[in-house]
C-alpha cells in the first residue's frame, strides 16, 4: 500500500468501498491502528474516520439512486442489513427520503400519488 500521505481523493474513496465503509476495516487495509487513522482523517478531512466513511456511503447512495436502482438493492450493496436502517440514515443525512430524493432527481421516476415534495426541501 502506498503511503497514506500520497493517496488522492479517488484512492481514498475506493479504499472506503473496499472496507465496506467500516473504520476498523479501513485501518486494517491501511496497516495502521484506528487511532492513527483518526489522526490522519482528522487532519485530511476534518472529521472522524467513521463520519467520513458515512459521508462517502451516502454520496454513493445518491449515485446509485440516480442510476434508478431500487432502494432495497442500494441498501444491500452498501452493506446495510435492514432497508429501514438505510432509509433512516439517508433521511438524516439528506433531510429527504431516498424515494423522494430520486423523484426530485429524476421526475420520470416520480409517482403521481406522492405528496408534493416542495414542502420537504429546505
C-alpha atoms as a PDB file:
ATOM      1  CA  UNK A   1       0.000   0.000   0.000  1.00  0.00           C
ATOM      2  CA  UNK A   2       1.243   3.444  -0.917  1.00  0.00           C
ATOM      3  CA  UNK A   3       1.993   5.930   1.801  1.00  0.00           C
ATOM      4  CA  UNK A   4      -1.228   7.388   3.133  1.00  0.00           C
ATOM      5  CA  UNK A   5       0.118  10.904   2.539  1.00  0.00           C
ATOM      6  CA  UNK A   6       0.316  10.181  -1.194  1.00  0.00           C
ATOM      7  CA  UNK A   7      -3.242   8.902  -1.624  1.00  0.00           C
ATOM      8  CA  UNK A   8      -5.521  11.100  -3.714  1.00  0.00           C
ATOM      9  CA  UNK A   9      -9.260  11.540  -3.147  1.00  0.00           C
ATOM     10  CA  UNK A  10     -10.248   8.816  -5.625  1.00  0.00           C
ATOM     11  CA  UNK A  11      -7.945   6.326  -3.909  1.00  0.00           C
ATOM     12  CA  UNK A  12      -9.447   7.177  -0.514  1.00  0.00           C
ATOM     13  CA  UNK A  13     -12.967   6.687  -1.893  1.00  0.00           C
ATOM     14  CA  UNK A  14     -12.007   3.319  -3.402  1.00  0.00           C
ATOM     15  CA  UNK A  15     -10.470   2.219  -0.099  1.00  0.00           C
ATOM     16  CA  UNK A  16     -13.687   3.235   1.666  1.00  0.00           C
ATOM     17  CA  UNK A  17     -15.690   0.999  -0.685  1.00  0.00           C
ATOM     18  CA  UNK A  18     -13.268  -1.898  -0.240  1.00  0.00           C
ATOM     19  CA  UNK A  19     -13.513  -1.521   3.542  1.00  0.00           C
ATOM     20  CA  UNK A  20     -17.316  -1.597   3.219  1.00  0.00           C
ATOM     21  CA  UNK A  21     -17.481   1.819   4.887  1.00  0.00           C
ATOM     22  CA  UNK A  22     -16.189   0.495   8.237  1.00  0.00           C
ATOM     23  CA  UNK A  23     -13.407   2.336  10.085  1.00  0.00           C
ATOM     24  CA  UNK A  24     -11.915  -0.826  11.580  1.00  0.00           C
ATOM     25  CA  UNK A  25     -11.654  -2.485   8.172  1.00  0.00           C
ATOM     26  CA  UNK A  26     -10.143   0.672   6.665  1.00  0.00           C
ATOM     27  CA  UNK A  27      -7.457   0.868   9.337  1.00  0.00           C
ATOM     28  CA  UNK A  28      -6.629  -2.808   8.704  1.00  0.00           C
ATOM     29  CA  UNK A  29      -6.404  -2.218   4.934  1.00  0.00           C
ATOM     30  CA  UNK A  30      -4.023   0.659   5.545  1.00  0.00           C
ATOM     31  CA  UNK A  31      -1.990  -1.347   8.065  1.00  0.00           C
ATOM     32  CA  UNK A  32      -2.419   1.119  10.910  1.00  0.00           C
ATOM     33  CA  UNK A  33      -4.170   1.428  14.219  1.00  0.00           C
ATOM     34  CA  UNK A  34      -7.588   3.016  14.483  1.00  0.00           C
ATOM     35  CA  UNK A  35      -6.046   5.850  16.477  1.00  0.00           C
ATOM     36  CA  UNK A  36      -3.573   6.545  13.678  1.00  0.00           C
ATOM     37  CA  UNK A  37      -6.445   6.554  11.203  1.00  0.00           C
ATOM     38  CA  UNK A  38      -8.324   9.022  13.426  1.00  0.00           C
ATOM     39  CA  UNK A  39      -5.368  11.405  13.355  1.00  0.00           C
ATOM     40  CA  UNK A  40      -4.978  11.130   9.584  1.00  0.00           C
ATOM     41  CA  UNK A  41      -8.662  11.584   8.728  1.00  0.00           C
ATOM     42  CA  UNK A  42      -8.914  14.418  11.236  1.00  0.00           C
ATOM     43  CA  UNK A  43      -6.053  16.205   9.542  1.00  0.00           C
ATOM     44  CA  UNK A  44      -7.066  15.405   5.951  1.00  0.00           C
ATOM     45  CA  UNK A  45     -10.881  15.512   6.136  1.00  0.00           C
ATOM     46  CA  UNK A  46     -11.527  17.380   9.383  1.00  0.00           C
ATOM     47  CA  UNK A  47     -13.624  14.584  10.853  1.00  0.00           C
ATOM     48  CA  UNK A  48     -13.509  11.126  12.394  1.00  0.00           C
ATOM     49  CA  UNK A  49     -12.943   8.113  10.146  1.00  0.00           C
ATOM     50  CA  UNK A  50     -16.476   6.786  10.609  1.00  0.00           C
ATOM     51  CA  UNK A  51     -18.014  10.194   9.968  1.00  0.00           C
ATOM     52  CA  UNK A  52     -16.054  10.488   6.714  1.00  0.00           C
ATOM     53  CA  UNK A  53     -16.952   6.911   5.733  1.00  0.00           C
ATOM     54  CA  UNK A  54     -20.641   7.564   6.423  1.00  0.00           C
ATOM     55  CA  UNK A  55     -20.446  10.641   4.177  1.00  0.00           C
ATOM     56  CA  UNK A  56     -18.885   8.577   1.379  1.00  0.00           C
ATOM     57  CA  UNK A  57     -21.553   5.903   1.791  1.00  0.00           C
ATOM     58  CA  UNK A  58     -24.347   8.465   1.456  1.00  0.00           C
ATOM     59  CA  UNK A  59     -22.674  10.035  -1.588  1.00  0.00           C
ATOM     60  CA  UNK A  60     -22.510   6.586  -3.189  1.00  0.00           C
ATOM     61  CA  UNK A  61     -26.207   6.086  -2.381  1.00  0.00           C
ATOM     62  CA  UNK A  62     -27.042   9.266  -4.316  1.00  0.00           C
ATOM     63  CA  UNK A  63     -25.160   7.994  -7.369  1.00  0.00           C
ATOM     64  CA  UNK A  64     -26.987   4.667  -7.154  1.00  0.00           C
ATOM     65  CA  UNK A  65     -30.368   6.366  -6.828  1.00  0.00           C
ATOM     66  CA  UNK A  66     -29.656   8.414  -9.941  1.00  0.00           C
ATOM     67  CA  UNK A  67     -28.924   5.124 -11.725  1.00  0.00           C
ATOM     68  CA  UNK A  68     -32.552   4.186 -10.983  1.00  0.00           C
ATOM     69  CA  UNK A  69     -31.588   1.340  -8.679  1.00  0.00           C
ATOM     70  CA  UNK A  70     -34.113   0.129  -6.129  1.00  0.00           C
ATOM     71  CA  UNK A  71     -33.766   1.308  -2.557  1.00  0.00           C
ATOM     72  CA  UNK A  72     -33.592  -2.322  -1.432  1.00  0.00           C
ATOM     73  CA  UNK A  73     -30.667  -3.163  -3.754  1.00  0.00           C
ATOM     74  CA  UNK A  74     -28.822   0.027  -2.776  1.00  0.00           C
ATOM     75  CA  UNK A  75     -29.213  -0.759   0.912  1.00  0.00           C
ATOM     76  CA  UNK A  76     -27.896  -4.260   0.339  1.00  0.00           C
ATOM     77  CA  UNK A  77     -24.952  -3.164  -1.830  1.00  0.00           C
ATOM     78  CA  UNK A  78     -23.918  -0.543   0.725  1.00  0.00           C
ATOM     79  CA  UNK A  79     -23.832  -3.130   3.488  1.00  0.00           C
ATOM     80  CA  UNK A  80     -26.987  -2.295   5.410  1.00  0.00           C
ATOM     81  CA  UNK A  81     -28.627  -5.338   6.995  1.00  0.00           C
ATOM     82  CA  UNK A  82     -32.012  -3.626   7.019  1.00  0.00           C
ATOM     83  CA  UNK A  83     -33.525  -1.405   4.339  1.00  0.00           C
ATOM     84  CA  UNK A  84     -35.187   0.615   7.082  1.00  0.00           C
ATOM     85  CA  UNK A  85     -31.779   1.434   8.600  1.00  0.00           C
ATOM     86  CA  UNK A  86     -30.523   2.661   5.229  1.00  0.00           C
ATOM     87  CA  UNK A  87     -33.657   4.779   4.777  1.00  0.00           C
ATOM     88  CA  UNK A  88     -33.233   6.326   8.229  1.00  0.00           C
ATOM     89  CA  UNK A  89     -29.536   7.124   7.646  1.00  0.00           C
ATOM     90  CA  UNK A  90     -30.272   8.561   4.207  1.00  0.00           C
ATOM     91  CA  UNK A  91     -33.066  10.765   5.519  1.00  0.00           C
ATOM     92  CA  UNK A  92     -30.956  12.028   8.436  1.00  0.00           C
ATOM     93  CA  UNK A  93     -28.100  12.868   6.100  1.00  0.00           C
ATOM     94  CA  UNK A  94     -30.028  14.408   3.194  1.00  0.00           C
ATOM     95  CA  UNK A  95     -33.166  15.600   5.054  1.00  0.00           C
ATOM     96  CA  UNK A  96     -35.219  13.810   2.426  1.00  0.00           C
ATOM     97  CA  UNK A  97     -36.221  10.184   1.970  1.00  0.00           C
ATOM     98  CA  UNK A  98     -34.402   8.134  -0.656  1.00  0.00           C
ATOM     99  CA  UNK A  99     -37.598   7.754  -2.672  1.00  0.00           C
ATOM    100  CA  UNK A 100     -38.339  11.481  -2.553  1.00  0.00           C
ATOM    101  CA  UNK A 101     -34.734  12.263  -3.464  1.00  0.00           C
ATOM    102  CA  UNK A 102     -34.940  10.018  -6.513  1.00  0.00           C
ATOM    103  CA  UNK A 103     -38.243  11.627  -7.553  1.00  0.00           C
ATOM    104  CA  UNK A 104     -36.664  15.075  -7.362  1.00  0.00           C
ATOM    105  CA  UNK A 105     -33.511  13.988  -9.161  1.00  0.00           C
ATOM    106  CA  UNK A 106     -35.461  12.214 -11.913  1.00  0.00           C
ATOM    107  CA  UNK A 107     -39.057  13.438 -12.354  1.00  0.00           C
ATOM    108  CA  UNK A 108     -39.750  10.489 -14.689  1.00  0.00           C
ATOM    109  CA  UNK A 109     -39.387   8.206 -11.641  1.00  0.00           C
ATOM    110  CA  UNK A 110     -41.890  10.223  -9.613  1.00  0.00           C
ATOM    111  CA  UNK A 111     -45.248   8.844  -8.588  1.00  0.00           C
ATOM    112  CA  UNK A 112     -48.430  10.814  -9.179  1.00  0.00           C
ATOM    113  CA  UNK A 113     -49.784   9.647  -5.813  1.00  0.00           C
ATOM    114  CA  UNK A 114     -46.811  11.122  -3.965  1.00  0.00           C
ATOM    115  CA  UNK A 115     -47.417  14.240  -1.895  1.00  0.00           C
ATOM    116  CA  UNK A 116     -45.841  17.419  -3.273  1.00  0.00           C
ATOM    117  CA  UNK A 117     -42.128  17.363  -2.482  1.00  0.00           C
ATOM    118  CA  UNK A 118     -41.510  21.089  -2.488  1.00  0.00           C
ATOM    119  CA  UNK A 119     -42.575  21.343   1.151  1.00  0.00           C
ATOM    120  CA  UNK A 120     -39.874  18.919   2.268  1.00  0.00           C
ATOM    121  CA  UNK A 121     -36.976  20.680   0.606  1.00  0.00           C
ATOM    122  CA  UNK A 122     -35.298  23.231   2.836  1.00  0.00           C
END
